[in-house]
N, C-alpha and C. Protein backbone atom coordinates (compact mmCIF):
# COMPACT_ATOMS: atom_id res chain seq x y z
N MET A 1 0.85 -1.18 0.00
CA MET A 1 0.00 0.00 0.00
C MET A 1 0.89 1.24 0.00
N ALA A 2 0.61 2.15 -0.89
CA ALA A 2 1.42 3.37 -0.99
C ALA A 2 1.15 4.27 0.20
N GLU A 3 2.16 5.07 0.54
CA GLU A 3 2.04 5.97 1.69
C GLU A 3 0.88 6.94 1.55
N SER A 4 0.59 7.38 0.32
CA SER A 4 -0.48 8.36 0.13
C SER A 4 -1.85 7.70 -0.05
N ASP A 5 -1.92 6.39 0.09
CA ASP A 5 -3.15 5.64 -0.04
C ASP A 5 -4.17 6.14 0.99
N TRP A 6 -5.42 6.29 0.59
CA TRP A 6 -6.47 6.78 1.48
C TRP A 6 -6.61 5.90 2.72
N ARG A 7 -6.34 4.60 2.57
CA ARG A 7 -6.47 3.69 3.71
C ARG A 7 -5.42 4.00 4.77
N SER A 8 -4.20 4.27 4.35
CA SER A 8 -3.14 4.63 5.30
C SER A 8 -3.48 5.94 6.00
N ASP A 9 -3.97 6.91 5.24
CA ASP A 9 -4.34 8.20 5.82
C ASP A 9 -5.48 8.03 6.83
N THR A 10 -6.47 7.23 6.46
CA THR A 10 -7.62 7.00 7.35
C THR A 10 -7.18 6.30 8.62
N LEU A 11 -6.38 5.25 8.48
CA LEU A 11 -5.91 4.53 9.66
C LEU A 11 -5.07 5.45 10.54
N GLY A 12 -4.29 6.32 9.95
CA GLY A 12 -3.50 7.27 10.72
C GLY A 12 -4.37 8.21 11.54
N ARG A 13 -5.45 8.70 10.94
CA ARG A 13 -6.38 9.59 11.68
C ARG A 13 -7.06 8.83 12.81
N LEU A 14 -7.49 7.60 12.54
CA LEU A 14 -8.14 6.80 13.57
C LEU A 14 -7.16 6.49 14.70
N ARG A 15 -5.93 6.17 14.35
CA ARG A 15 -4.88 5.88 15.34
C ARG A 15 -4.69 7.08 16.28
N ALA A 16 -4.63 8.28 15.71
CA ALA A 16 -4.44 9.47 16.53
C ALA A 16 -5.60 9.67 17.50
N LEU A 17 -6.82 9.42 17.04
CA LEU A 17 -7.99 9.56 17.91
C LEU A 17 -7.98 8.53 19.03
N ILE A 18 -7.63 7.30 18.69
CA ILE A 18 -7.57 6.23 19.70
C ILE A 18 -6.53 6.57 20.77
N MET A 19 -5.35 6.96 20.32
CA MET A 19 -4.28 7.26 21.27
C MET A 19 -4.60 8.49 22.13
N ALA A 20 -5.39 9.43 21.59
CA ALA A 20 -5.75 10.63 22.34
C ALA A 20 -6.85 10.37 23.37
N ALA A 21 -7.52 9.24 23.27
CA ALA A 21 -8.66 8.96 24.16
C ALA A 21 -8.23 8.71 25.61
N ASP A 22 -7.06 8.13 25.81
CA ASP A 22 -6.61 7.80 27.16
C ASP A 22 -5.08 7.73 27.14
N PRO A 23 -4.41 8.39 28.10
CA PRO A 23 -2.94 8.40 28.08
C PRO A 23 -2.30 7.05 28.35
N ASP A 24 -3.06 6.09 28.88
CA ASP A 24 -2.49 4.78 29.19
C ASP A 24 -2.59 3.78 28.04
N ILE A 25 -3.20 4.17 26.94
CA ILE A 25 -3.33 3.27 25.79
C ILE A 25 -1.96 3.03 25.16
N THR A 26 -1.71 1.78 24.84
CA THR A 26 -0.48 1.41 24.14
C THR A 26 -0.84 0.83 22.77
N GLU A 27 0.09 0.97 21.86
CA GLU A 27 -0.09 0.41 20.52
C GLU A 27 1.03 -0.58 20.25
N ASP A 28 0.66 -1.69 19.66
CA ASP A 28 1.61 -2.72 19.29
C ASP A 28 1.22 -3.21 17.90
N VAL A 29 2.09 -3.95 17.27
CA VAL A 29 1.77 -4.58 15.99
C VAL A 29 1.91 -6.07 16.19
N LYS A 30 0.85 -6.79 15.83
CA LYS A 30 0.85 -8.24 16.01
C LYS A 30 0.48 -8.92 14.70
N TRP A 31 0.60 -10.21 14.71
CA TRP A 31 0.15 -11.07 13.61
C TRP A 31 0.81 -10.73 12.28
N ARG A 32 2.13 -10.53 12.31
CA ARG A 32 2.88 -10.35 11.05
C ARG A 32 2.97 -11.70 10.36
N LYS A 33 2.75 -11.71 9.05
CA LYS A 33 2.85 -12.93 8.27
C LYS A 33 3.16 -12.56 6.83
N PRO A 34 3.57 -13.52 6.01
CA PRO A 34 3.94 -13.19 4.63
C PRO A 34 2.85 -12.42 3.87
N SER A 35 1.59 -12.76 4.10
CA SER A 35 0.52 -12.08 3.39
C SER A 35 0.23 -10.69 3.98
N ASN A 36 0.76 -10.41 5.16
CA ASN A 36 0.58 -9.09 5.80
C ASN A 36 1.84 -8.76 6.59
N PRO A 37 2.95 -8.45 5.89
CA PRO A 37 4.22 -8.24 6.58
C PRO A 37 4.21 -7.06 7.55
N ALA A 38 3.32 -6.10 7.34
CA ALA A 38 3.25 -4.95 8.25
C ALA A 38 2.55 -5.31 9.55
N GLY A 39 1.80 -6.41 9.55
CA GLY A 39 1.08 -6.82 10.75
C GLY A 39 -0.17 -6.00 10.96
N VAL A 40 -0.77 -6.19 12.13
CA VAL A 40 -2.03 -5.53 12.48
C VAL A 40 -1.81 -4.65 13.70
N PRO A 41 -2.13 -3.35 13.60
CA PRO A 41 -2.03 -2.50 14.79
C PRO A 41 -3.07 -2.92 15.82
N VAL A 42 -2.62 -2.97 17.07
CA VAL A 42 -3.47 -3.40 18.19
C VAL A 42 -3.33 -2.37 19.29
N TRP A 43 -4.47 -1.90 19.80
CA TRP A 43 -4.46 -0.92 20.90
C TRP A 43 -4.98 -1.59 22.15
N GLU A 44 -4.26 -1.38 23.26
CA GLU A 44 -4.59 -2.03 24.52
C GLU A 44 -4.53 -1.06 25.68
N CYS A 45 -5.33 -1.34 26.68
CA CYS A 45 -5.28 -0.64 27.96
C CYS A 45 -6.08 -1.49 28.94
N GLY A 46 -5.38 -2.24 29.77
CA GLY A 46 -6.05 -3.16 30.67
C GLY A 46 -6.63 -4.36 29.95
N GLY A 47 -6.26 -4.53 28.70
CA GLY A 47 -6.77 -5.59 27.83
C GLY A 47 -6.92 -5.02 26.43
N LEU A 48 -7.31 -5.86 25.52
CA LEU A 48 -7.45 -5.45 24.12
C LEU A 48 -8.61 -4.48 23.96
N ILE A 49 -8.36 -3.34 23.31
CA ILE A 49 -9.42 -2.39 22.97
C ILE A 49 -9.91 -2.70 21.57
N CYS A 50 -9.00 -2.54 20.59
CA CYS A 50 -9.40 -2.78 19.21
C CYS A 50 -8.18 -3.03 18.34
N THR A 51 -8.47 -3.52 17.13
CA THR A 51 -7.45 -3.72 16.12
C THR A 51 -7.82 -2.86 14.91
N GLY A 52 -6.83 -2.54 14.10
CA GLY A 52 -7.07 -1.77 12.89
C GLY A 52 -6.53 -2.51 11.69
N GLU A 53 -7.36 -2.75 10.72
CA GLU A 53 -6.92 -3.47 9.53
C GLU A 53 -7.35 -2.72 8.28
N THR A 54 -6.52 -2.83 7.25
CA THR A 54 -6.86 -2.23 5.97
C THR A 54 -7.19 -3.34 4.99
N TYR A 55 -8.23 -3.11 4.23
CA TYR A 55 -8.66 -4.01 3.18
C TYR A 55 -8.70 -3.22 1.87
N ARG A 56 -8.94 -3.89 0.79
CA ARG A 56 -8.96 -3.23 -0.51
C ARG A 56 -9.94 -2.06 -0.51
N ASP A 57 -11.11 -2.26 0.11
CA ASP A 57 -12.18 -1.27 0.01
C ASP A 57 -12.52 -0.56 1.31
N LYS A 58 -11.79 -0.86 2.40
CA LYS A 58 -12.15 -0.25 3.68
C LYS A 58 -11.03 -0.33 4.69
N VAL A 59 -11.21 0.44 5.76
CA VAL A 59 -10.40 0.33 6.97
C VAL A 59 -11.36 -0.16 8.05
N LYS A 60 -10.96 -1.16 8.80
CA LYS A 60 -11.83 -1.78 9.80
C LYS A 60 -11.20 -1.66 11.18
N LEU A 61 -11.95 -1.07 12.10
CA LEU A 61 -11.59 -1.09 13.52
C LEU A 61 -12.49 -2.11 14.19
N THR A 62 -11.89 -3.16 14.75
CA THR A 62 -12.67 -4.19 15.42
C THR A 62 -12.44 -4.08 16.91
N PHE A 63 -13.52 -3.84 17.65
CA PHE A 63 -13.47 -3.71 19.10
C PHE A 63 -13.70 -5.08 19.73
N ALA A 64 -12.74 -5.52 20.53
CA ALA A 64 -12.74 -6.86 21.10
C ALA A 64 -14.01 -7.15 21.89
N ASN A 65 -14.50 -6.19 22.65
CA ASN A 65 -15.69 -6.38 23.47
C ASN A 65 -16.80 -5.41 23.06
N GLY A 66 -16.85 -5.11 21.78
CA GLY A 66 -17.79 -4.11 21.29
C GLY A 66 -19.24 -4.37 21.62
N ALA A 67 -19.64 -5.65 21.65
CA ALA A 67 -21.05 -5.97 21.94
C ALA A 67 -21.43 -5.57 23.36
N SER A 68 -20.45 -5.37 24.23
CA SER A 68 -20.71 -5.00 25.63
C SER A 68 -20.63 -3.49 25.85
N LEU A 69 -20.34 -2.73 24.80
CA LEU A 69 -20.13 -1.29 24.95
C LEU A 69 -21.34 -0.50 24.48
N PRO A 70 -21.67 0.57 25.22
CA PRO A 70 -22.71 1.47 24.70
C PRO A 70 -22.18 2.18 23.46
N ASP A 71 -23.04 2.37 22.48
CA ASP A 71 -22.65 3.04 21.23
C ASP A 71 -23.76 4.02 20.84
N PRO A 72 -23.96 5.06 21.66
CA PRO A 72 -25.07 5.98 21.38
C PRO A 72 -24.93 6.72 20.05
N ALA A 73 -23.71 6.89 19.55
CA ALA A 73 -23.51 7.59 18.28
C ALA A 73 -23.70 6.66 17.08
N GLY A 74 -23.86 5.35 17.34
CA GLY A 74 -24.07 4.40 16.26
C GLY A 74 -22.87 4.22 15.35
N LEU A 75 -21.68 4.21 15.94
CA LEU A 75 -20.47 4.05 15.12
C LEU A 75 -20.32 2.63 14.58
N PHE A 76 -20.73 1.64 15.37
CA PHE A 76 -20.59 0.25 14.91
C PHE A 76 -21.50 0.02 13.71
N ASN A 77 -20.90 -0.45 12.62
CA ASN A 77 -21.66 -0.71 11.41
C ASN A 77 -21.30 -2.05 10.77
N SER A 78 -20.56 -2.89 11.51
CA SER A 78 -20.12 -4.17 10.98
C SER A 78 -19.97 -5.16 12.12
N SER A 79 -20.04 -6.45 11.80
CA SER A 79 -19.93 -7.52 12.80
C SER A 79 -20.98 -7.35 13.89
N LEU A 80 -22.16 -6.94 13.51
CA LEU A 80 -23.22 -6.65 14.48
C LEU A 80 -23.92 -7.89 14.98
N GLU A 81 -23.73 -9.02 14.31
CA GLU A 81 -24.44 -10.23 14.68
C GLU A 81 -23.76 -11.03 15.80
N GLY A 82 -22.51 -10.75 16.09
CA GLY A 82 -21.78 -11.52 17.08
C GLY A 82 -22.13 -11.16 18.51
N ASN A 83 -21.73 -12.01 19.42
CA ASN A 83 -22.00 -11.79 20.84
C ASN A 83 -20.87 -11.04 21.55
N THR A 84 -19.75 -10.86 20.88
CA THR A 84 -18.60 -10.25 21.54
C THR A 84 -18.08 -9.04 20.80
N ARG A 85 -17.61 -9.21 19.58
CA ARG A 85 -16.97 -8.13 18.84
C ARG A 85 -17.98 -7.27 18.09
N ARG A 86 -17.55 -6.04 17.82
CA ARG A 86 -18.25 -5.13 16.92
C ARG A 86 -17.18 -4.37 16.15
N ALA A 87 -17.53 -3.90 14.96
CA ALA A 87 -16.53 -3.21 14.15
C ALA A 87 -17.10 -1.94 13.53
N ILE A 88 -16.17 -1.09 13.14
CA ILE A 88 -16.48 0.12 12.40
C ILE A 88 -15.75 0.01 11.06
N ASP A 89 -16.50 -0.04 9.98
CA ASP A 89 -15.91 -0.05 8.64
C ASP A 89 -15.94 1.37 8.10
N VAL A 90 -14.80 1.85 7.63
CA VAL A 90 -14.70 3.18 7.04
C VAL A 90 -14.30 2.99 5.57
N PHE A 91 -15.15 3.48 4.69
CA PHE A 91 -14.91 3.35 3.26
C PHE A 91 -14.31 4.64 2.73
N GLU A 92 -13.73 4.58 1.53
CA GLU A 92 -13.09 5.75 0.94
C GLU A 92 -14.08 6.92 0.92
N GLY A 93 -13.62 8.07 1.40
CA GLY A 93 -14.46 9.25 1.47
C GLY A 93 -15.31 9.32 2.73
N GLY A 94 -15.33 8.23 3.50
CA GLY A 94 -16.11 8.20 4.73
C GLY A 94 -15.38 8.83 5.89
N GLU A 95 -16.11 9.30 6.85
CA GLU A 95 -15.53 9.90 8.04
C GLU A 95 -16.13 9.25 9.28
N VAL A 96 -15.39 9.31 10.37
CA VAL A 96 -15.86 8.83 11.66
C VAL A 96 -15.89 10.03 12.59
N ASP A 97 -16.94 10.17 13.36
CA ASP A 97 -17.04 11.24 14.35
C ASP A 97 -15.94 11.03 15.39
N GLY A 98 -14.94 11.89 15.36
CA GLY A 98 -13.76 11.73 16.22
C GLY A 98 -14.08 11.74 17.70
N GLU A 99 -14.94 12.66 18.12
CA GLU A 99 -15.28 12.73 19.55
C GLU A 99 -16.05 11.48 19.97
N ALA A 100 -16.96 11.01 19.11
CA ALA A 100 -17.72 9.79 19.43
C ALA A 100 -16.78 8.58 19.49
N LEU A 101 -15.77 8.53 18.62
CA LEU A 101 -14.81 7.43 18.65
C LEU A 101 -14.02 7.45 19.95
N LYS A 102 -13.59 8.63 20.39
CA LYS A 102 -12.85 8.72 21.65
C LYS A 102 -13.72 8.27 22.82
N VAL A 103 -14.99 8.63 22.81
CA VAL A 103 -15.91 8.17 23.86
C VAL A 103 -16.01 6.65 23.84
N LEU A 104 -16.14 6.06 22.66
CA LEU A 104 -16.24 4.61 22.53
C LEU A 104 -14.96 3.93 23.03
N VAL A 105 -13.82 4.49 22.70
CA VAL A 105 -12.54 3.93 23.17
C VAL A 105 -12.47 4.01 24.70
N ARG A 106 -12.90 5.13 25.26
CA ARG A 106 -12.91 5.27 26.73
C ARG A 106 -13.84 4.24 27.38
N GLU A 107 -14.96 3.96 26.73
CA GLU A 107 -15.87 2.92 27.24
C GLU A 107 -15.17 1.56 27.22
N ALA A 108 -14.40 1.29 26.16
CA ALA A 108 -13.68 0.02 26.07
C ALA A 108 -12.62 -0.08 27.17
N VAL A 109 -11.93 1.02 27.44
CA VAL A 109 -10.93 1.04 28.51
C VAL A 109 -11.62 0.80 29.85
N ALA A 110 -12.74 1.47 30.10
CA ALA A 110 -13.48 1.29 31.36
C ALA A 110 -13.96 -0.15 31.49
N PHE A 111 -14.42 -0.74 30.40
CA PHE A 111 -14.85 -2.14 30.41
C PHE A 111 -13.69 -3.05 30.81
N ASN A 112 -12.52 -2.83 30.20
CA ASN A 112 -11.34 -3.65 30.51
C ASN A 112 -10.94 -3.49 31.97
N ARG A 113 -10.95 -2.26 32.46
CA ARG A 113 -10.54 -2.02 33.85
C ARG A 113 -11.53 -2.66 34.82
N ALA A 114 -12.82 -2.58 34.53
CA ALA A 114 -13.83 -3.20 35.39
C ALA A 114 -13.68 -4.72 35.39
N LYS A 115 -13.40 -5.29 34.23
CA LYS A 115 -13.21 -6.73 34.12
C LYS A 115 -11.98 -7.16 34.92
N ALA A 116 -10.94 -6.36 34.91
CA ALA A 116 -9.70 -6.68 35.62
C ALA A 116 -9.91 -6.65 37.14
N ARG A 117 -10.86 -5.83 37.62
CA ARG A 117 -11.12 -5.73 39.05
C ARG A 117 -11.91 -6.91 39.60
N LYS A 118 -12.54 -7.66 38.72
CA LYS A 118 -13.39 -8.78 39.18
C LYS A 118 -12.57 -9.93 39.65
């Protein structure tokens, strides 16, 4: 994928919003393989928050415990049928409400912290 590719730009904007949501969030890259040598960005804080993947036609943020998170802004638009994960698919030209995404990330962090206290 070229550096100026819309998917790289979109993932970069989403990454900045995720990292700005909580100072304790860390980013790592996992699951490197020949078909995806760059790997998958993973954001964590007290547990997995979400992953970011690029596909031919979209950028996908998959929230590990998305089904357990309130989503009043309706950001989740993919993987809605599962009992655990939820995802946000962003297509070329699409935008995500940055403040709503930060709220959703904070909810994921709070979920992880509450789970860790049990």
